[in-house]
PDB file of N, CA and C in Angstrom:
ATOM      1  N   UNK A   1      38.662 118.189 -10.418  1.00  0.00           N
ATOM      2  CA  UNK A   1      39.144 118.479 -11.735  1.00  0.00           C
ATOM      3  C   UNK A   1      40.590 118.959 -11.716  1.00  0.00           C
ATOM      4  N   UNK A   2      40.900 119.797 -10.740  1.00  0.00           N
ATOM      5  CA  UNK A   2      42.244 120.345 -10.669  1.00  0.00           C
ATOM      6  C   UNK A   2      43.261 119.233 -10.437  1.00  0.00           C
ATOM      7  N   UNK A   3      42.889 118.233  -9.674  1.00  0.00           N
ATOM      8  CA  UNK A   3      43.801 117.129  -9.409  1.00  0.00           C
ATOM      9  C   UNK A   3      44.089 116.352 -10.688  1.00  0.00           C
ATOM     10  N   UNK A   4      43.068 116.145 -11.505  1.00  0.00           N
ATOM     11  CA  UNK A   4      43.264 115.417 -12.750  1.00  0.00           C
ATOM     12  C   UNK A   4      44.172 116.191 -13.696  1.00  0.00           C
ATOM     13  N   UNK A   5      43.997 117.487 -13.756  1.00  0.00           N
ATOM     14  CA  UNK A   5      44.847 118.307 -14.620  1.00  0.00           C
ATOM     15  C   UNK A   5      46.298 118.244 -14.171  1.00  0.00           C
ATOM     16  N   UNK A   6      46.529 118.313 -12.881  1.00  0.00           N
ATOM     17  CA  UNK A   6      47.889 118.242 -12.363  1.00  0.00           C
ATOM     18  C   UNK A   6      48.518 116.886 -12.659  1.00  0.00           C
ATOM     19  N   UNK A   7      47.748 115.815 -12.562  1.00  0.00           N
ATOM     20  CA  UNK A   7      48.268 114.488 -12.855  1.00  0.00           C
ATOM     21  C   UNK A   7      48.610 114.353 -14.330  1.00  0.00           C
ATOM     22  N   UNK A   8      47.783 114.906 -15.201  1.00  0.00           N
ATOM     23  CA  UNK A   8      48.044 114.827 -16.635  1.00  0.00           C
ATOM     24  C   UNK A   8      49.302 115.604 -16.985  1.00  0.00           C
ATOM     25  N   UNK A   9      49.497 116.727 -16.395  1.00  0.00           N
ATOM     26  CA  UNK A   9      50.691 117.534 -16.663  1.00  0.00           C
ATOM     27  C   UNK A   9      51.945 116.805 -16.191  1.00  0.00           C
ATOM     28  N   UNK A  10      51.869 116.174 -15.035  1.00  0.00           N
ATOM     29  CA  UNK A  10      53.036 115.472 -14.525  1.00  0.00           C
ATOM     30  C   UNK A  10      53.343 114.239 -15.379  1.00  0.00           C
ATOM     31  N   UNK A  11      52.318 113.654 -15.988  1.00  0.00           N
ATOM     32  CA  UNK A  11      52.550 112.500 -16.855  1.00  0.00           C
ATOM     33  C   UNK A  11      53.203 112.920 -18.168  1.00  0.00           C
ATOM     34  N   UNK A  12      52.909 114.111 -18.646  1.00  0.00           N
ATOM     35  CA  UNK A  12      53.458 114.579 -19.915  1.00  0.00           C
ATOM     36  C   UNK A  12      54.930 114.955 -19.799  1.00  0.00           C
ATOM     37  N   UNK A  13      55.363 115.407 -18.658  1.00  0.00           N
ATOM     38  CA  UNK A  13      56.737 115.846 -18.494  1.00  0.00           C
ATOM     39  C   UNK A  13      57.756 114.728 -18.701  1.00  0.00           C
ATOM     40  N   UNK A  14      57.572 113.559 -18.162  1.00  0.00           N
ATOM     41  CA  UNK A  14      58.563 112.517 -18.406  1.00  0.00           C
ATOM     42  C   UNK A  14      58.661 112.116 -19.875  1.00  0.00           C
ATOM     43  N   UNK A  15      57.566 112.166 -20.605  1.00  0.00           N
ATOM     44  CA  UNK A  15      57.606 111.840 -22.026  1.00  0.00           C
ATOM     45  C   UNK A  15      58.472 112.845 -22.778  1.00  0.00           C
ATOM     46  N   UNK A  16      58.315 114.118 -22.457  1.00  0.00           N
ATOM     47  CA  UNK A  16      59.119 115.144 -23.107  1.00  0.00           C
ATOM     48  C   UNK A  16      60.591 114.967 -22.766  1.00  0.00           C
ATOM     49  N   UNK A  17      60.888 114.666 -21.522  1.00  0.00           N
ATOM     50  CA  UNK A  17      62.274 114.452 -21.122  1.00  0.00           C
ATOM     51  C   UNK A  17      62.855 113.239 -21.847  1.00  0.00           C
ATOM     52  N   UNK A  18      62.057 112.212 -22.034  1.00  0.00           N
ATOM     53  CA  UNK A  18      62.514 111.018 -22.731  1.00  0.00           C
ATOM     54  C   UNK A  18      62.859 111.319 -24.183  1.00  0.00           C
ATOM     55  N   UNK A  19      62.095 112.183 -24.826  1.00  0.00           N
ATOM     56  CA  UNK A  19      62.367 112.548 -26.219  1.00  0.00           C
ATOM     57  C   UNK A  19      63.674 113.315 -26.308  1.00  0.00           C
ATOM     58  N   UNK A  20      63.936 114.173 -25.351  1.00  0.00           N
ATOM     59  CA  UNK A  20      65.184 114.916 -25.365  1.00  0.00           C
ATOM     60  C   UNK A  20      66.373 113.994 -25.133  1.00  0.00           C
ATOM     61  N   UNK A  21      66.220 113.056 -24.287  1.00  0.00           N
ATOM     62  CA  UNK A  21      67.314 112.123 -24.015  1.00  0.00           C
ATOM     63  C   UNK A  21      67.600 111.255 -25.234  1.00  0.00           C
ATOM     64  N   UNK A  22      66.564 110.873 -25.951  1.00  0.00           N
ATOM     65  CA  UNK A  22      66.750 110.062 -27.141  1.00  0.00           C
ATOM     66  C   UNK A  22      67.517 110.846 -28.195  1.00  0.00           C
ATOM     67  N   UNK A  23      67.146 112.096 -28.401  1.00  0.00           N
ATOM     68  CA  UNK A  23      67.836 112.929 -29.378  1.00  0.00           C
ATOM     69  C   UNK A  23      69.289 113.142 -28.962  1.00  0.00           C
ATOM     70  N   UNK A  24      69.521 113.320 -27.685  1.00  0.00           N
ATOM     71  CA  UNK A  24      70.887 113.511 -27.206  1.00  0.00           C
ATOM     72  C   UNK A  24      71.713 112.242 -27.367  1.00  0.00           C
ATOM     73  N   UNK A  25      71.079 111.102 -27.148  1.00  0.00           N
ATOM     74  CA  UNK A  25      71.834 109.851 -27.205  1.00  0.00           C
ATOM     75  C   UNK A  25      72.099 109.407 -28.641  1.00  0.00           C
ATOM     76  N   UNK A  26      71.348 109.896 -29.599  1.00  0.00           N
ATOM     77  CA  UNK A  26      71.566 109.497 -30.993  1.00  0.00           C
ATOM     78  C   UNK A  26      72.893 110.015 -31.531  1.00  0.00           C
ATOM     79  N   UNK A  27      73.226 111.198 -31.199  1.00  0.00           N
ATOM     80  CA  UNK A  27      74.469 111.767 -31.678  1.00  0.00           C
ATOM     81  C   UNK A  27      74.240 112.611 -32.919  1.00  0.00           C
ATOM     82  N   UNK A  28      75.187 113.472 -33.194  1.00  0.00           N
ATOM     83  CA  UNK A  28      75.072 114.404 -34.309  1.00  0.00           C
ATOM     84  C   UNK A  28      75.112 113.695 -35.656  1.00  0.00           C
ATOM     85  N   UNK A  29      75.950 112.673 -35.805  1.00  0.00           N
ATOM     86  CA  UNK A  29      76.059 112.005 -37.098  1.00  0.00           C
ATOM     87  C   UNK A  29      74.761 111.303 -37.485  1.00  0.00           C
ATOM     88  N   UNK A  30      74.105 110.673 -36.540  1.00  0.00           N
ATOM     89  CA  UNK A  30      72.846 109.988 -36.817  1.00  0.00           C
ATOM     90  C   UNK A  30      71.756 111.004 -37.129  1.00  0.00           C
ATOM     91  N   UNK A  31      71.724 112.098 -36.373  1.00  0.00           N
ATOM     92  CA  UNK A  31      70.733 113.135 -36.629  1.00  0.00           C
ATOM     93  C   UNK A  31      70.925 113.754 -38.006  1.00  0.00           C
ATOM     94  N   UNK A  32      72.173 113.984 -38.396  1.00  0.00           N
ATOM     95  CA  UNK A  32      72.411 114.561 -39.720  1.00  0.00           C
ATOM     96  C   UNK A  32      71.996 113.587 -40.823  1.00  0.00           C
ATOM     97  N   UNK A  33      72.228 112.287 -40.609  1.00  0.00           N
ATOM     98  CA  UNK A  33      71.799 111.290 -41.593  1.00  0.00           C
ATOM     99  C   UNK A  33      70.283 111.248 -41.697  1.00  0.00           C
ATOM    100  N   UNK A  34      69.597 111.358 -40.580  1.00  0.00           N
ATOM    101  CA  UNK A  34      68.143 111.378 -40.587  1.00  0.00           C
ATOM    102  C   UNK A  34      67.605 112.616 -41.307  1.00  0.00           C
ATOM    103  N   UNK A  35      68.243 113.746 -41.063  1.00  0.00           N
ATOM    104  CA  UNK A  35      67.817 114.971 -41.736  1.00  0.00           C
ATOM    105  C   UNK A  35      68.038 114.869 -43.246  1.00  0.00           C
ATOM    106  N   UNK A  36      69.166 114.278 -43.647  1.00  0.00           N
ATOM    107  CA  UNK A  36      69.450 114.070 -45.065  1.00  0.00           C
ATOM    108  C   UNK A  36      68.406 113.164 -45.693  1.00  0.00           C
ATOM    109  N   UNK A  37      68.073 112.094 -45.005  1.00  0.00           N
ATOM    110  CA  UNK A  37      67.079 111.147 -45.518  1.00  0.00           C
ATOM    111  C   UNK A  37      65.722 111.828 -45.657  1.00  0.00           C
ATOM    112  N   UNK A  38      65.379 112.675 -44.713  1.00  0.00           N
ATOM    113  CA  UNK A  38      64.113 113.404 -44.768  1.00  0.00           C
ATOM    114  C   UNK A  38      64.098 114.349 -45.967  1.00  0.00           C
ATOM    115  N   UNK A  39      65.201 115.024 -46.197  1.00  0.00           N
ATOM    116  CA  UNK A  39      65.305 115.944 -47.327  1.00  0.00           C
ATOM    117  C   UNK A  39      65.188 115.188 -48.649  1.00  0.00           C
ATOM    118  N   UNK A  40      65.886 114.058 -48.761  1.00  0.00           N
ATOM    119  CA  UNK A  40      65.827 113.252 -49.976  1.00  0.00           C
ATOM    120  C   UNK A  40      64.415 112.731 -50.223  1.00  0.00           C
ATOM    121  N   UNK A  41      63.756 112.317 -49.168  1.00  0.00           N
ATOM    122  CA  UNK A  41      62.398 111.815 -49.298  1.00  0.00           C
ATOM    123  C   UNK A  41      61.453 112.914 -49.764  1.00  0.00           C
ATOM    124  N   UNK A  42      61.580 114.097 -49.215  1.00  0.00           N
ATOM    125  CA  UNK A  42      60.703 115.193 -49.629  1.00  0.00           C
ATOM    126  C   UNK A  42      60.963 115.581 -51.079  1.00  0.00           C
ATOM    127  N   UNK A  43      62.235 115.533 -51.515  1.00  0.00           N
ATOM    128  CA  UNK A  43      62.556 115.825 -52.906  1.00  0.00           C
ATOM    129  C   UNK A  43      61.986 114.760 -53.838  1.00  0.00           C
ATOM    130  N   UNK A  44      62.077 113.502 -53.423  1.00  0.00           N
ATOM    131  CA  UNK A  44      61.528 112.417 -54.232  1.00  0.00           C
ATOM    132  C   UNK A  44      60.021 112.536 -54.348  1.00  0.00           C
ATOM    133  N   UNK A  45      59.353 112.914 -53.272  1.00  0.00           N
ATOM    134  CA  UNK A  45      57.908 113.098 -53.308  1.00  0.00           C
ATOM    135  C   UNK A  45      57.533 114.245 -54.233  1.00  0.00           C
ATOM    136  N   UNK A  46      58.316 115.326 -54.218  1.00  0.00           N
ATOM    137  CA  UNK A  46      58.038 116.466 -55.087  1.00  0.00           C
ATOM    138  C   UNK A  46      58.203 116.065 -56.554  1.00  0.00           C
ATOM    139  N   UNK A  47      59.237 115.296 -56.856  1.00  0.00           N
ATOM    140  CA  UNK A  47      59.448 114.839 -58.232  1.00  0.00           C
ATOM    141  C   UNK A  47      58.321 113.915 -58.677  1.00  0.00           C
ATOM    142  N   UNK A  48      57.877 113.044 -57.799  1.00  0.00           N
ATOM    143  CA  UNK A  48      56.789 112.129 -58.135  1.00  0.00           C
ATOM    144  C   UNK A  48      55.496 112.904 -58.394  1.00  0.00           C
ATOM    145  N   UNK A  49      55.228 113.908 -57.589  1.00  0.00           N
ATOM    146  CA  UNK A  49      54.031 114.728 -57.775  1.00  0.00           C
ATOM    147  C   UNK A  49      54.103 115.484 -59.096  1.00  0.00           C
ATOM    148  N   UNK A  50      55.277 116.011 -59.419  1.00  0.00           N
ATOM    149  CA  UNK A  50      55.459 116.727 -60.676  1.00  0.00           C
ATOM    150  C   UNK A  50      55.250 115.784 -61.866  1.00  0.00           C
ATOM    151  N   UNK A  51      55.778 114.584 -61.767  1.00  0.00           N
ATOM    152  CA  UNK A  51      55.608 113.599 -62.835  1.00  0.00           C
ATOM    153  C   UNK A  51      54.144 113.218 -62.996  1.00  0.00           C
ATOM    154  N   UNK A  52      53.436 113.094 -61.886  1.00  0.00           N
ATOM    155  CA  UNK A  52      52.019 112.762 -61.931  1.00  0.00           C
ATOM    156  C   UNK A  52      51.226 113.876 -62.619  1.00  0.00           C
ATOM    157  N   UNK A  53      51.550 115.121 -62.290  1.00  0.00           N
ATOM    158  CA  UNK A  53      50.869 116.257 -62.910  1.00  0.00           C
ATOM    159  C   UNK A  53      51.132 116.292 -64.416  1.00  0.00           C
ATOM    160  N   UNK A  54      52.378 116.042 -64.816  1.00  0.00           N
ATOM    161  CA  UNK A  54      52.717 116.016 -66.231  1.00  0.00           C
ATOM    162  C   UNK A  54      51.966 114.905 -66.953  1.00  0.00           C
ATOM    163  N   UNK A  55      51.839 113.757 -66.317  1.00  0.00           N
ATOM    164  CA  UNK A  55      51.114 112.639 -66.907  1.00  0.00           C
ATOM    165  C   UNK A  55      49.646 112.989 -67.097  1.00  0.00           C
ATOM    166  N   UNK A  56      49.047 113.653 -66.113  1.00  0.00           N
ATOM    167  CA  UNK A  56      47.654 114.068 -66.231  1.00  0.00           C
ATOM    168  C   UNK A  56      47.456 115.049 -67.389  1.00  0.00           C
ATOM    169  N   UNK A  57      48.377 115.978 -67.544  1.00  0.00           N
ATOM    170  CA  UNK A  57      48.296 116.948 -68.633  1.00  0.00           C
ATOM    171  C   UNK A  57      48.422 116.243 -69.981  1.00  0.00           C
ATOM    172  N   UNK A  58      49.350 115.308 -70.059  1.00  0.00           N
ATOM    173  CA  UNK A  58      49.557 114.552 -71.294  1.00  0.00           C
ATOM    174  C   UNK A  58      48.304 113.749 -71.654  1.00  0.00           C
ATOM    175  N   UNK A  59      47.708 113.094 -70.677  1.00  0.00           N
ATOM    176  CA  UNK A  59      46.496 112.317 -70.920  1.00  0.00           C
ATOM    177  C   UNK A  59      45.345 113.212 -71.371  1.00  0.00           C
ATOM    178  N   UNK A  60      45.240 114.383 -70.776  1.00  0.00           N
ATOM    179  CA  UNK A  60      44.182 115.318 -71.159  1.00  0.00           C
ATOM    180  C   UNK A  60      44.362 115.763 -72.602  1.00  0.00           C
ATOM    181  N   UNK A  61      45.591 116.057 -73.000  1.00  0.00           N
ATOM    182  CA  UNK A  61      45.866 116.457 -74.377  1.00  0.00           C
ATOM    183  C   UNK A  61      45.537 115.324 -75.346  1.00  0.00           C
ATOM    184  N   UNK A  62      45.875 114.092 -74.969  1.00  0.00           N
ATOM    185  CA  UNK A  62      45.577 112.946 -75.828  1.00  0.00           C
ATOM    186  C   UNK A  62      44.071 112.750 -75.991  1.00  0.00           C
ATOM    187  N   UNK A  63      43.333 112.888 -74.890  1.00  0.00           N
ATOM    188  CA  UNK A  63      41.864 112.766 -74.980  1.00  0.00           C
ATOM    189  C   UNK A  63      41.287 113.852 -75.880  1.00  0.00           C
ATOM    190  N   UNK A  64      41.816 115.067 -75.744  1.00  0.00           N
ATOM    191  CA  UNK A  64      41.344 116.183 -76.555  1.00  0.00           C
ATOM    192  C   UNK A  64      41.645 115.936 -78.034  1.00  0.00           C
ATOM    193  N   UNK A  65      42.809 115.405 -78.343  1.00  0.00           N
ATOM    194  CA  UNK A  65      43.199 115.152 -79.726  1.00  0.00           C
ATOM    195  C   UNK A  65      42.418 114.000 -80.338  1.00  0.00           C
ATOM    196  N   UNK A  66      41.963 113.064 -79.532  1.00  0.00           N
ATOM    197  CA  UNK A  66      41.285 111.875 -80.047  1.00  0.00           C
ATOM    198  C   UNK A  66      39.759 111.969 -79.995  1.00  0.00           C
ATOM    199  N   UNK A  67      39.219 113.145 -79.808  1.00  0.00           N
ATOM    200  CA  UNK A  67      37.766 113.298 -79.759  1.00  0.00           C
ATOM    201  C   UNK A  67      37.173 113.088 -81.142  1.00  0.00           C
ATOM    202  N   UNK A  68      36.007 112.488 -81.146  1.00  0.00           N
ATOM    203  CA  UNK A  68      35.315 112.285 -82.414  1.00  0.00           C
ATOM    204  C   UNK A  68      34.619 113.573 -82.833  1.00  0.00           C
ATOM    205  N   UNK A  69      34.163 113.588 -84.073  1.00  0.00           N
ATOM    206  CA  UNK A  69      33.466 114.761 -84.582  1.00  0.00           C
ATOM    207  C   UNK A  69      32.195 115.019 -83.786  1.00  0.00           C
ATOM    208  N   UNK A  70      31.500 113.971 -83.396  1.00  0.00           N
ATOM    209  CA  UNK A  70      30.264 114.123 -82.627  1.00  0.00           C
ATOM    210  C   UNK A  70      30.547 114.760 -81.271  1.00  0.00           C
ATOM    211  N   UNK A  71      31.610 114.357 -80.611  1.00  0.00           N
ATOM    212  CA  UNK A  71      31.967 114.949 -79.313  1.00  0.00           C
ATOM    213  C   UNK A  71      32.323 116.420 -79.465  1.00  0.00           C
ATOM    214  N   UNK A  72      33.073 116.747 -80.508  1.00  0.00           N
ATOM    215  CA  UNK A  72      33.425 118.150 -80.752  1.00  0.00           C
ATOM    216  C   UNK A  72      32.180 118.971 -81.067  1.00  0.00           C
ATOM    217  N   UNK A  73      31.281 118.399 -81.841  1.00  0.00           N
ATOM    218  CA  UNK A  73      30.049 119.101 -82.184  1.00  0.00           C
ATOM    219  C   UNK A  73      29.195 119.338 -80.948  1.00  0.00           C
ATOM    220  N   UNK A  74      29.137 118.359 -80.060  1.00  0.00           N
ATOM    221  CA  UNK A  74      28.384 118.526 -78.817  1.00  0.00           C
ATOM    222  C   UNK A  74      28.958 119.644 -77.955  1.00  0.00           C
ATOM    223  N   UNK A  75      30.269 119.755 -77.915  1.00  0.00           N
ATOM    224  CA  UNK A  75      30.903 120.802 -77.113  1.00  0.00           C
ATOM    225  C   UNK A  75      30.597 122.193 -77.654  1.00  0.00           C
ATOM    226  N   UNK A  76      30.631 122.338 -78.966  1.00  0.00           N
ATOM    227  CA  UNK A  76      30.494 123.660 -79.565  1.00  0.00           C
ATOM    228  C   UNK A  76      29.099 123.923 -80.106  1.00  0.00           C
ATOM    229  N   UNK A  77      28.162 123.033 -79.841  1.00  0.00           N
ATOM    230  CA  UNK A  77      26.801 123.176 -80.353  1.00  0.00           C
ATOM    231  C   UNK A  77      26.131 124.434 -79.797  1.00  0.00           C
ATOM    232  N   UNK A  78      26.302 124.688 -78.536  1.00  0.00           N
ATOM    233  CA  UNK A  78      25.676 125.870 -77.932  1.00  0.00           C
ATOM    234  C   UNK A  78      26.250 127.160 -78.460  1.00  0.00           C
ATOM    235  N   UNK A  79      27.520 127.190 -78.777  1.00  0.00           N
ATOM    236  CA  UNK A  79      28.171 128.405 -79.247  1.00  0.00           C
ATOM    237  C   UNK A  79      27.715 128.750 -80.654  1.00  0.00           C
ATOM    238  N   UNK A  80      27.484 127.759 -81.494  1.00  0.00           N
ATOM    239  CA  UNK A  80      27.116 128.040 -82.885  1.00  0.00           C
ATOM    240  C   UNK A  80      25.685 128.517 -83.036  1.00  0.00           C
ATOM    241  N   UNK A  81      24.846 128.231 -82.118  1.00  0.00           N
ATOM    242  CA  UNK A  81      23.450 128.649 -82.226  1.00  0.00           C
ATOM    243  C   UNK A  81      23.272 130.140 -81.950  1.00  0.00           C
ATOM    244  N   UNK A  82      24.239 130.777 -81.381  1.00  0.00           N
ATOM    245  CA  UNK A  82      24.151 132.219 -81.120  1.00  0.00           C
ATOM    246  C   UNK A  82      24.144 133.001 -82.432  1.00  0.00           C
ATOM    247  N   UNK A  83      24.857 132.509 -83.423  1.00  0.00           N
ATOM    248  CA  UNK A  83      25.061 133.259 -84.647  1.00  0.00           C
ATOM    249  C   UNK A  83      23.972 132.962 -85.603  1.00  0.00           C
TER     250      UNK A  83
END
């Protein structure tokens, strides 16, 4: 078992070194562009989520406004029997 663990650890080290070399070889300008793109993407996702939430609220209000008398009566039927 110990031999397998040592082999797995030695296999992981070159992968980590390769990732560092890739980041070093990209350069600062490319890294900054990637970071900017990531920031823009996260902002766009946040705006899309906010728009989706607003749409859901709007649809809920429309459904509530367009309820028939029977649907409203069914909702409040239990409350009126108390009195």
